[in-house]
Amino acid sequence: MTDLEKYENVFLSLFDVTREDLSTLTYLRGRWDSLQHVDMITMLEETFDISINSTDVVLFNSFEKGKKILRGYGVEV
């Protein structure tokens, strides 16, 4: 499984969305609230064996922005 597939699967398991909806998914719009945000960060850290710093946690506000942030941790999404 590729890093992109793993990344997508984290979102698909937490949010009630389809794969087609992922690119437009944003924080605090509809299905993504603060509790899910914490769960998502935790799952991403466990999935990719990384530790996301607090600045990046705050900046991680969309599916697409998350890809850019994770690239900074060596994740190939």
N, C-alpha and C. Protein backbone atom coordinates (compact mmCIF):
# COMPACT_ATOMS: atom_id res chain seq x y z
N MET A 1 0.84 -1.17 0.00
CA MET A 1 0.00 0.00 0.00
C MET A 1 0.90 1.25 0.00
N THR A 2 0.58 2.21 -0.83
CA THR A 2 1.38 3.43 -0.91
C THR A 2 1.06 4.36 0.25
N ASP A 3 1.95 5.34 0.47
CA ASP A 3 1.70 6.33 1.51
C ASP A 3 0.42 7.11 1.22
N LEU A 4 0.15 7.40 -0.03
CA LEU A 4 -1.07 8.13 -0.39
C LEU A 4 -2.30 7.32 -0.03
N GLU A 5 -2.27 6.03 -0.31
CA GLU A 5 -3.41 5.17 0.04
C GLU A 5 -3.60 5.10 1.55
N LYS A 6 -2.50 5.01 2.29
CA LYS A 6 -2.59 5.01 3.76
C LYS A 6 -3.19 6.32 4.26
N TYR A 7 -2.72 7.43 3.69
CA TYR A 7 -3.23 8.75 4.05
C TYR A 7 -4.73 8.85 3.78
N GLU A 8 -5.14 8.46 2.60
CA GLU A 8 -6.56 8.48 2.26
C GLU A 8 -7.37 7.60 3.21
N ASN A 9 -6.85 6.44 3.55
CA ASN A 9 -7.57 5.51 4.42
C ASN A 9 -7.79 6.07 5.82
N VAL A 10 -6.85 6.87 6.32
CA VAL A 10 -7.05 7.52 7.62
C VAL A 10 -8.29 8.41 7.55
N PHE A 11 -8.40 9.21 6.51
CA PHE A 11 -9.55 10.10 6.36
C PHE A 11 -10.84 9.33 6.14
N LEU A 12 -10.77 8.30 5.31
CA LEU A 12 -11.97 7.51 5.03
C LEU A 12 -12.47 6.80 6.28
N SER A 13 -11.57 6.42 7.17
CA SER A 13 -12.00 5.72 8.38
C SER A 13 -12.57 6.67 9.43
N LEU A 14 -12.17 7.94 9.40
CA LEU A 14 -12.62 8.91 10.40
C LEU A 14 -13.83 9.73 9.99
N PHE A 15 -13.94 10.02 8.72
CA PHE A 15 -14.96 10.93 8.23
C PHE A 15 -15.91 10.18 7.30
N ASP A 16 -17.16 10.58 7.33
CA ASP A 16 -18.18 9.95 6.50
C ASP A 16 -18.13 10.57 5.10
N VAL A 17 -17.10 10.21 4.34
CA VAL A 17 -16.90 10.76 3.00
C VAL A 17 -16.49 9.64 2.05
N THR A 18 -16.60 9.94 0.78
CA THR A 18 -16.12 9.01 -0.24
C THR A 18 -14.73 9.46 -0.67
N ARG A 19 -14.04 8.61 -1.35
CA ARG A 19 -12.70 8.93 -1.86
C ARG A 19 -12.76 10.18 -2.75
N GLU A 20 -13.84 10.34 -3.49
CA GLU A 20 -14.00 11.49 -4.37
C GLU A 20 -14.14 12.80 -3.59
N ASP A 21 -14.62 12.73 -2.35
CA ASP A 21 -14.82 13.93 -1.52
C ASP A 21 -13.54 14.41 -0.84
N LEU A 22 -12.51 13.58 -0.80
CA LEU A 22 -11.33 13.88 0.00
C LEU A 22 -10.66 15.20 -0.38
N SER A 23 -10.52 15.48 -1.64
CA SER A 23 -9.77 16.67 -2.06
C SER A 23 -10.43 17.97 -1.61
N THR A 24 -11.71 17.94 -1.29
CA THR A 24 -12.40 19.16 -0.85
C THR A 24 -12.66 19.19 0.66
N LEU A 25 -12.19 18.18 1.37
CA LEU A 25 -12.43 18.09 2.81
C LEU A 25 -11.60 19.12 3.57
N THR A 26 -12.26 19.93 4.41
CA THR A 26 -11.58 20.95 5.20
C THR A 26 -12.05 20.92 6.64
N TYR A 27 -11.17 21.37 7.52
CA TYR A 27 -11.42 21.41 8.95
C TYR A 27 -12.57 22.37 9.28
N LEU A 28 -13.43 21.94 10.18
CA LEU A 28 -14.59 22.68 10.68
C LEU A 28 -15.63 22.97 9.60
N ARG A 29 -15.59 22.23 8.55
CA ARG A 29 -16.64 22.32 7.53
C ARG A 29 -17.32 20.96 7.45
N GLY A 30 -18.49 20.86 8.01
CA GLY A 30 -19.24 19.62 7.91
C GLY A 30 -18.77 18.55 8.87
N ARG A 31 -18.02 17.58 8.36
CA ARG A 31 -17.73 16.36 9.10
C ARG A 31 -16.45 16.39 9.92
N TRP A 32 -15.63 17.39 9.84
CA TRP A 32 -14.32 17.41 10.47
C TRP A 32 -14.32 18.40 11.62
N ASP A 33 -14.44 17.89 12.85
CA ASP A 33 -14.45 18.77 14.01
C ASP A 33 -13.16 18.61 14.82
N SER A 34 -13.07 19.32 15.94
CA SER A 34 -11.83 19.35 16.71
C SER A 34 -11.47 17.99 17.31
N LEU A 35 -12.45 17.22 17.74
CA LEU A 35 -12.15 15.90 18.29
C LEU A 35 -11.64 14.96 17.20
N GLN A 36 -12.25 15.03 16.04
CA GLN A 36 -11.79 14.21 14.92
C GLN A 36 -10.39 14.66 14.47
N HIS A 37 -10.11 15.93 14.62
CA HIS A 37 -8.79 16.45 14.26
C HIS A 37 -7.71 15.78 15.11
N VAL A 38 -7.96 15.70 16.40
CA VAL A 38 -7.01 15.05 17.31
C VAL A 38 -6.86 13.57 16.94
N ASP A 39 -7.96 12.90 16.70
CA ASP A 39 -7.91 11.49 16.29
C ASP A 39 -7.14 11.31 15.00
N MET A 40 -7.36 12.22 14.04
CA MET A 40 -6.68 12.13 12.75
C MET A 40 -5.18 12.30 12.91
N ILE A 41 -4.76 13.30 13.69
CA ILE A 41 -3.33 13.53 13.90
C ILE A 41 -2.71 12.30 14.55
N THR A 42 -3.37 11.76 15.55
CA THR A 42 -2.87 10.56 16.23
C THR A 42 -2.74 9.39 15.27
N MET A 43 -3.75 9.18 14.45
CA MET A 43 -3.71 8.08 13.48
C MET A 43 -2.60 8.28 12.46
N LEU A 44 -2.40 9.52 12.01
CA LEU A 44 -1.35 9.79 11.04
C LEU A 44 0.03 9.55 11.66
N GLU A 45 0.20 9.97 12.90
CA GLU A 45 1.49 9.76 13.57
C GLU A 45 1.77 8.27 13.73
N GLU A 46 0.75 7.50 14.07
CA GLU A 46 0.93 6.06 14.22
C GLU A 46 1.15 5.38 12.87
N THR A 47 0.40 5.78 11.88
CA THR A 47 0.49 5.16 10.55
C THR A 47 1.86 5.37 9.92
N PHE A 48 2.39 6.58 10.07
CA PHE A 48 3.65 6.91 9.40
C PHE A 48 4.85 6.97 10.35
N ASP A 49 4.63 6.61 11.62
CA ASP A 49 5.69 6.60 12.63
C ASP A 49 6.44 7.94 12.65
N ILE A 50 5.65 9.02 12.80
CA ILE A 50 6.19 10.37 12.86
C ILE A 50 5.60 11.09 14.07
N SER A 51 6.15 12.23 14.40
CA SER A 51 5.60 13.10 15.44
C SER A 51 5.37 14.47 14.81
N ILE A 52 4.12 14.85 14.67
CA ILE A 52 3.76 16.11 14.02
C ILE A 52 3.83 17.22 15.05
N ASN A 53 4.60 18.26 14.77
CA ASN A 53 4.76 19.34 15.75
C ASN A 53 3.49 20.18 15.86
N SER A 54 3.38 20.93 16.94
CA SER A 54 2.15 21.66 17.24
C SER A 54 1.81 22.71 16.18
N THR A 55 2.79 23.33 15.59
CA THR A 55 2.53 24.31 14.53
C THR A 55 1.86 23.63 13.34
N ASP A 56 2.37 22.47 12.96
CA ASP A 56 1.79 21.75 11.84
C ASP A 56 0.40 21.21 12.17
N VAL A 57 0.16 20.85 13.42
CA VAL A 57 -1.17 20.40 13.83
C VAL A 57 -2.18 21.51 13.57
N VAL A 58 -1.83 22.74 13.92
CA VAL A 58 -2.72 23.88 13.72
C VAL A 58 -2.89 24.19 12.23
N LEU A 59 -1.81 24.11 11.47
CA LEU A 59 -1.86 24.43 10.05
C LEU A 59 -2.56 23.35 9.21
N PHE A 60 -2.70 22.17 9.76
CA PHE A 60 -3.29 21.02 9.05
C PHE A 60 -4.81 21.22 9.00
N ASN A 61 -5.28 22.00 8.03
CA ASN A 61 -6.69 22.37 8.01
C ASN A 61 -7.45 21.88 6.77
N SER A 62 -6.82 21.06 5.97
CA SER A 62 -7.52 20.46 4.83
C SER A 62 -6.78 19.20 4.40
N PHE A 63 -7.47 18.38 3.66
CA PHE A 63 -6.87 17.16 3.13
C PHE A 63 -5.66 17.50 2.26
N GLU A 64 -5.80 18.49 1.40
CA GLU A 64 -4.71 18.87 0.51
C GLU A 64 -3.54 19.50 1.27
N LYS A 65 -3.81 20.36 2.22
CA LYS A 65 -2.75 20.99 3.02
C LYS A 65 -2.00 19.91 3.81
N GLY A 66 -2.72 18.90 4.28
CA GLY A 66 -2.10 17.81 5.01
C GLY A 66 -1.06 17.08 4.20
N LYS A 67 -1.29 16.94 2.90
CA LYS A 67 -0.30 16.28 2.06
C LYS A 67 1.00 17.08 2.04
N LYS A 68 0.89 18.38 1.93
CA LYS A 68 2.09 19.23 1.93
C LYS A 68 2.83 19.13 3.26
N ILE A 69 2.08 19.13 4.34
CA ILE A 69 2.70 19.03 5.67
C ILE A 69 3.41 17.69 5.83
N LEU A 70 2.75 16.62 5.45
CA LEU A 70 3.35 15.29 5.62
C LEU A 70 4.59 15.09 4.77
N ARG A 71 4.64 15.74 3.62
CA ARG A 71 5.86 15.65 2.80
C ARG A 71 7.06 16.18 3.56
N GLY A 72 6.83 17.15 4.43
CA GLY A 72 7.91 17.69 5.26
C GLY A 72 8.44 16.69 6.28
N TYR A 73 7.69 15.62 6.50
CA TYR A 73 8.10 14.56 7.42
C TYR A 73 8.58 13.33 6.65
N GLY A 74 8.76 13.48 5.34
CA GLY A 74 9.26 12.37 4.53
C GLY A 74 8.21 11.39 4.06
N VAL A 75 6.94 11.74 4.23
CA VAL A 75 5.85 10.87 3.78
C VAL A 75 5.57 11.19 2.30
N GLU A 76 5.51 10.16 1.48
CA GLU A 76 5.37 10.34 0.04
C GLU A 76 3.90 10.30 -0.37
N VAL A 77 3.22 11.42 -0.14
CA VAL A 77 1.80 11.52 -0.53
C VAL A 77 1.62 12.46 -1.69
